[in-house]
Amino acid sequence: MHRTDRAAAAVVAGIAAGAFTLSYEALRGVYLGSDGARSLSPIYPLIVEGFVTVAVWVAYRLRDFGWKATAYPWTLAGVFFAYSLWSNSLPDTVPGPVIRGVPSLAVPLAVHLFTHLLKKRERVPAEVVELVAEDDEETLSDEPWAFWELPPVQSPTYAAQGAKARSITAATDSSSLVRSWARQNGHAVKDTGRIPDAVLKAYAKAHGGKLVTP
């Protein structure tokens, strides 16, 4: 990390730590003002500020799944942030029932937020496509090699060298060969998930084959 970046990170960490400390004390005071147990008061600010942090983290984790997937965690983060802002700015106006009800509300919302993350992060089922040779290409025989005839020794070829694949089966969520070739030839592909048909067609054309979808 560059020295300037380290300095900026230190400043951001200091601001975050200071803001958390002040907000922590304000929320703790709000909880004590509602006749909450003093021994449990340190937990209350962690519930509020911790929920905001976790909700933002879930939204970040689901950033590749579109706005529909991130709308829910961002909404929860906004709700708890609004409550924290209210408690810090106007602590005397926060009703006691609302203060005591926040922990009960946070429990099911936290569980549901976690299941929302797991559901969206499930691996997409693989869709298999087959890249086959053109009709005028040589067809490989399925007959076994004769015991006196050894197969020709060939040096390994890779996608980056423009290897001609006569028959290849590629899973769109796990084919490292196709993804490697795509990146080396200027196509943007993700590490997981469905490989766009345009990339598969380009790969097939580059290797003398055609795209066949089952």
Protein backbone atom coordinates (compact mmCIF):
# COMPACT_ATOMS: atom_id res chain seq x y z
CA MET A 1 0.00 0.00 0.00
CA HIS A 2 1.31 3.46 -0.89
CA ARG A 3 2.32 5.76 1.97
CA THR A 4 -0.44 8.23 1.06
CA ASP A 5 -3.01 5.42 1.04
CA ARG A 6 -1.86 4.25 4.46
CA ALA A 7 -2.17 7.77 5.81
CA ALA A 8 -5.69 8.11 4.37
CA ALA A 9 -6.68 4.73 5.82
CA ALA A 10 -5.39 5.80 9.24
CA VAL A 11 -7.42 9.03 9.09
CA VAL A 12 -10.57 7.16 8.06
CA ALA A 13 -10.04 4.61 10.86
CA GLY A 14 -9.58 7.43 13.37
CA ILE A 15 -12.75 9.20 12.24
CA ALA A 16 -14.72 5.96 12.38
CA ALA A 17 -13.39 5.10 15.85
CA GLY A 18 -14.17 8.56 17.21
CA ALA A 19 -17.65 8.64 15.70
CA PHE A 20 -18.41 5.16 17.01
CA THR A 21 -17.28 6.11 20.52
CA LEU A 22 -19.50 9.20 20.65
CA SER A 23 -22.49 7.39 19.16
CA TYR A 24 -21.91 4.47 21.52
CA GLU A 25 -22.13 6.71 24.58
CA ALA A 26 -25.23 8.49 23.26
CA LEU A 27 -27.07 5.22 22.59
CA ARG A 28 -26.01 3.86 25.97
CA GLY A 29 -27.43 6.97 27.62
CA VAL A 30 -30.69 6.58 25.71
CA TYR A 31 -30.99 2.98 26.92
CA LEU A 32 -30.30 3.95 30.53
CA GLY A 33 -32.88 6.75 30.23
CA SER A 34 -35.56 4.16 29.47
CA ASP A 35 -34.91 2.46 32.83
CA GLY A 36 -32.78 -0.24 31.20
CA ALA A 37 -30.45 -2.35 33.30
CA ARG A 38 -27.09 -0.65 33.77
CA SER A 39 -25.24 -3.96 33.52
CA LEU A 40 -26.71 -4.57 30.05
CA SER A 41 -26.35 -1.02 28.75
CA PRO A 42 -23.01 -1.67 26.93
CA ILE A 43 -24.78 -4.19 24.67
CA TYR A 44 -27.47 -1.84 23.38
CA PRO A 45 -25.23 0.45 21.25
CA LEU A 46 -23.55 -2.61 19.72
CA ILE A 47 -26.93 -3.89 18.52
CA VAL A 48 -27.80 -0.64 16.75
CA GLU A 49 -24.41 0.26 15.27
CA GLY A 50 -23.54 -3.38 14.64
CA PHE A 51 -26.72 -3.91 12.63
CA VAL A 52 -25.88 -0.94 10.41
CA THR A 53 -22.38 -2.32 9.81
CA VAL A 54 -23.59 -5.83 9.01
CA ALA A 55 -26.35 -4.61 6.68
CA VAL A 56 -23.85 -2.48 4.70
CA TRP A 57 -21.49 -5.47 4.52
CA VAL A 58 -24.28 -7.72 3.15
CA ALA A 59 -25.15 -5.09 0.54
CA TYR A 60 -21.50 -4.98 -0.51
CA ARG A 61 -21.33 -8.78 -0.74
CA LEU A 62 -24.38 -8.82 -3.04
CA ARG A 63 -23.22 -5.96 -5.27
CA ASP A 64 -22.83 -8.30 -8.27
CA PHE A 65 -26.45 -9.50 -8.05
CA GLY A 66 -28.12 -6.22 -9.01
CA TRP A 67 -30.09 -3.57 -7.16
CA LYS A 68 -32.93 -5.92 -6.25
CA ALA A 69 -30.59 -8.03 -4.15
CA THR A 70 -29.00 -5.03 -2.41
CA ALA A 71 -32.20 -3.01 -1.86
CA TYR A 72 -33.20 -5.03 1.23
CA PRO A 73 -29.91 -4.74 3.18
CA TRP A 74 -29.57 -1.06 2.23
CA THR A 75 -33.11 -0.44 3.52
CA LEU A 76 -32.35 -2.11 6.86
CA ALA A 77 -29.08 -0.21 7.14
CA GLY A 78 -30.96 3.04 6.49
CA VAL A 79 -33.63 2.27 9.11
CA PHE A 80 -31.14 1.50 11.87
CA PHE A 81 -28.96 4.43 10.84
CA ALA A 82 -31.99 6.73 11.05
CA TYR A 83 -32.75 5.41 14.53
CA SER A 84 -29.14 5.96 15.60
CA LEU A 85 -29.23 9.50 14.22
CA TRP A 86 -32.51 10.18 16.04
CA SER A 87 -31.14 8.82 19.34
CA ASN A 88 -27.96 10.85 19.03
CA SER A 89 -29.64 14.11 17.98
CA LEU A 90 -32.83 14.11 20.04
CA PRO A 91 -32.40 11.52 22.80
CA ASP A 92 -35.17 12.97 24.97
CA THR A 93 -37.76 12.49 22.23
CA VAL A 94 -37.25 8.77 21.74
CA PRO A 95 -40.14 6.91 23.44
CA GLY A 96 -39.29 4.20 25.95
CA PRO A 97 -41.25 1.47 24.13
CA VAL A 98 -39.30 2.18 20.95
CA ILE A 99 -35.97 1.98 22.80
CA ARG A 100 -36.86 -1.33 24.42
CA GLY A 101 -38.34 -2.73 21.22
CA VAL A 102 -35.23 -2.29 19.07
CA PRO A 103 -33.45 -5.46 20.33
CA SER A 104 -36.57 -7.58 19.74
CA LEU A 105 -36.87 -6.20 16.23
CA ALA A 106 -33.17 -6.71 15.49
CA VAL A 107 -33.27 -10.48 16.16
CA PRO A 108 -35.63 -11.61 13.33
CA LEU A 109 -34.28 -8.97 10.94
CA ALA A 110 -30.70 -10.15 11.50
CA VAL A 111 -31.65 -13.78 10.89
CA HIS A 112 -33.64 -12.90 7.77
CA LEU A 113 -30.79 -10.73 6.48
CA PHE A 114 -28.41 -13.66 6.87
CA THR A 115 -30.74 -16.05 5.01
CA HIS A 116 -31.15 -13.41 2.29
CA LEU A 117 -27.37 -13.38 1.85
CA LEU A 118 -27.14 -17.19 1.72
CA LYS A 119 -29.98 -17.48 -0.78
CA LYS A 120 -28.48 -14.96 -3.18
CA ARG A 121 -24.97 -16.36 -2.85
CA GLU A 122 -25.99 -19.91 -3.78
CA ARG A 123 -24.08 -21.22 -6.78
CA VAL A 124 -25.98 -20.89 -10.05
CA PRO A 125 -26.65 -24.33 -11.59
CA ALA A 126 -24.22 -25.10 -14.35
CA GLU A 127 -25.45 -24.89 -17.91
CA VAL A 128 -23.46 -27.15 -20.17
CA VAL A 129 -22.76 -26.29 -23.78
CA GLU A 130 -20.78 -28.32 -26.24
CA LEU A 131 -18.25 -26.99 -28.73
CA VAL A 132 -17.97 -29.42 -31.64
CA ALA A 133 -15.88 -29.42 -34.78
CA GLU A 134 -17.15 -28.29 -38.15
CA ASP A 135 -18.27 -30.95 -40.63
CA ASP A 136 -15.10 -30.64 -42.73
CA GLU A 137 -12.83 -31.20 -39.73
CA GLU A 138 -11.20 -34.57 -39.18
CA THR A 139 -13.28 -36.86 -36.98
CA LEU A 140 -11.43 -38.72 -34.28
CA SER A 141 -12.05 -42.45 -34.15
CA ASP A 142 -13.36 -44.09 -31.00
CA GLU A 143 -11.45 -47.28 -31.82
CA PRO A 144 -8.66 -48.19 -29.36
CA TRP A 145 -5.03 -47.74 -30.40
CA ALA A 146 -3.41 -50.88 -31.74
CA PHE A 147 -1.00 -52.39 -29.25
CA TRP A 148 1.92 -51.93 -31.67
CA GLU A 149 1.01 -48.31 -32.50
CA LEU A 150 1.67 -45.61 -29.97
CA PRO A 151 -0.25 -42.34 -30.15
CA PRO A 152 1.75 -39.39 -31.46
CA VAL A 153 3.40 -37.27 -28.78
CA GLN A 154 2.28 -33.68 -28.95
CA SER A 155 3.39 -30.73 -26.89
CA PRO A 156 0.64 -29.29 -24.72
CA THR A 157 -1.26 -26.36 -26.17
CA TYR A 158 -3.18 -23.70 -24.32
CA ALA A 159 -5.97 -21.30 -25.10
CA ALA A 160 -3.49 -18.43 -25.17
CA GLN A 161 -1.64 -20.19 -28.02
CA GLY A 162 -4.80 -20.47 -30.15
CA ALA A 163 -5.24 -24.26 -29.73
CA LYS A 164 -7.80 -25.72 -32.13
CA ALA A 165 -10.33 -27.66 -30.06
CA ARG A 166 -12.28 -30.17 -32.12
CA SER A 167 -14.64 -31.27 -29.35
CA ILE A 168 -14.87 -29.49 -26.03
CA THR A 169 -17.53 -29.45 -23.32
CA ALA A 170 -17.51 -26.33 -21.16
CA ALA A 171 -19.56 -25.66 -18.01
CA THR A 172 -20.47 -22.00 -17.99
CA ASP A 173 -19.84 -21.56 -14.24
CA SER A 174 -16.57 -23.51 -13.96
CA SER A 175 -14.70 -23.56 -17.30
CA SER A 176 -11.38 -21.99 -16.42
CA LEU A 177 -10.20 -22.62 -19.99
CA VAL A 178 -12.90 -20.43 -21.54
CA ARG A 179 -12.55 -17.72 -18.86
CA SER A 180 -8.77 -17.61 -19.28
CA TRP A 181 -9.07 -17.32 -23.05
CA ALA A 182 -11.76 -14.63 -22.76
CA ARG A 183 -9.68 -12.43 -20.46
CA GLN A 184 -6.61 -12.77 -22.66
CA ASN A 185 -8.65 -11.69 -25.68
CA GLY A 186 -10.32 -8.64 -24.18
CA HIS A 187 -13.62 -10.16 -22.97
CA ALA A 188 -14.88 -9.28 -19.48
CA VAL A 189 -16.04 -12.34 -17.57
CA LYS A 190 -16.66 -12.97 -13.87
CA ASP A 191 -14.95 -15.65 -11.81
CA THR A 192 -18.25 -17.51 -11.29
CA GLY A 193 -21.68 -17.59 -12.87
CA ARG A 194 -22.90 -17.90 -16.43
CA ILE A 195 -20.48 -17.15 -19.24
CA PRO A 196 -22.19 -14.89 -21.82
CA ASP A 197 -23.20 -16.59 -25.07
CA ALA A 198 -21.25 -13.99 -27.04
CA VAL A 199 -18.03 -15.06 -25.30
CA LEU A 200 -18.78 -18.76 -25.88
CA LYS A 201 -19.46 -18.12 -29.57
CA ALA A 202 -16.24 -16.14 -29.92
CA TYR A 203 -14.30 -18.93 -28.21
CA ALA A 204 -15.87 -21.54 -30.50
CA LYS A 205 -15.13 -19.50 -33.62
CA ALA A 206 -11.52 -18.91 -32.55
CA HIS A 207 -11.02 -22.64 -32.11
CA GLY A 208 -12.60 -23.77 -35.36
CA GLY A 209 -15.83 -25.01 -33.78
CA LYS A 210 -19.42 -23.97 -33.45
CA LEU A 211 -21.57 -23.44 -30.36
CA VAL A 212 -24.18 -26.13 -29.70
CA THR A 213 -26.59 -25.60 -26.79
CA PRO A 214 -28.38 -28.69 -25.39
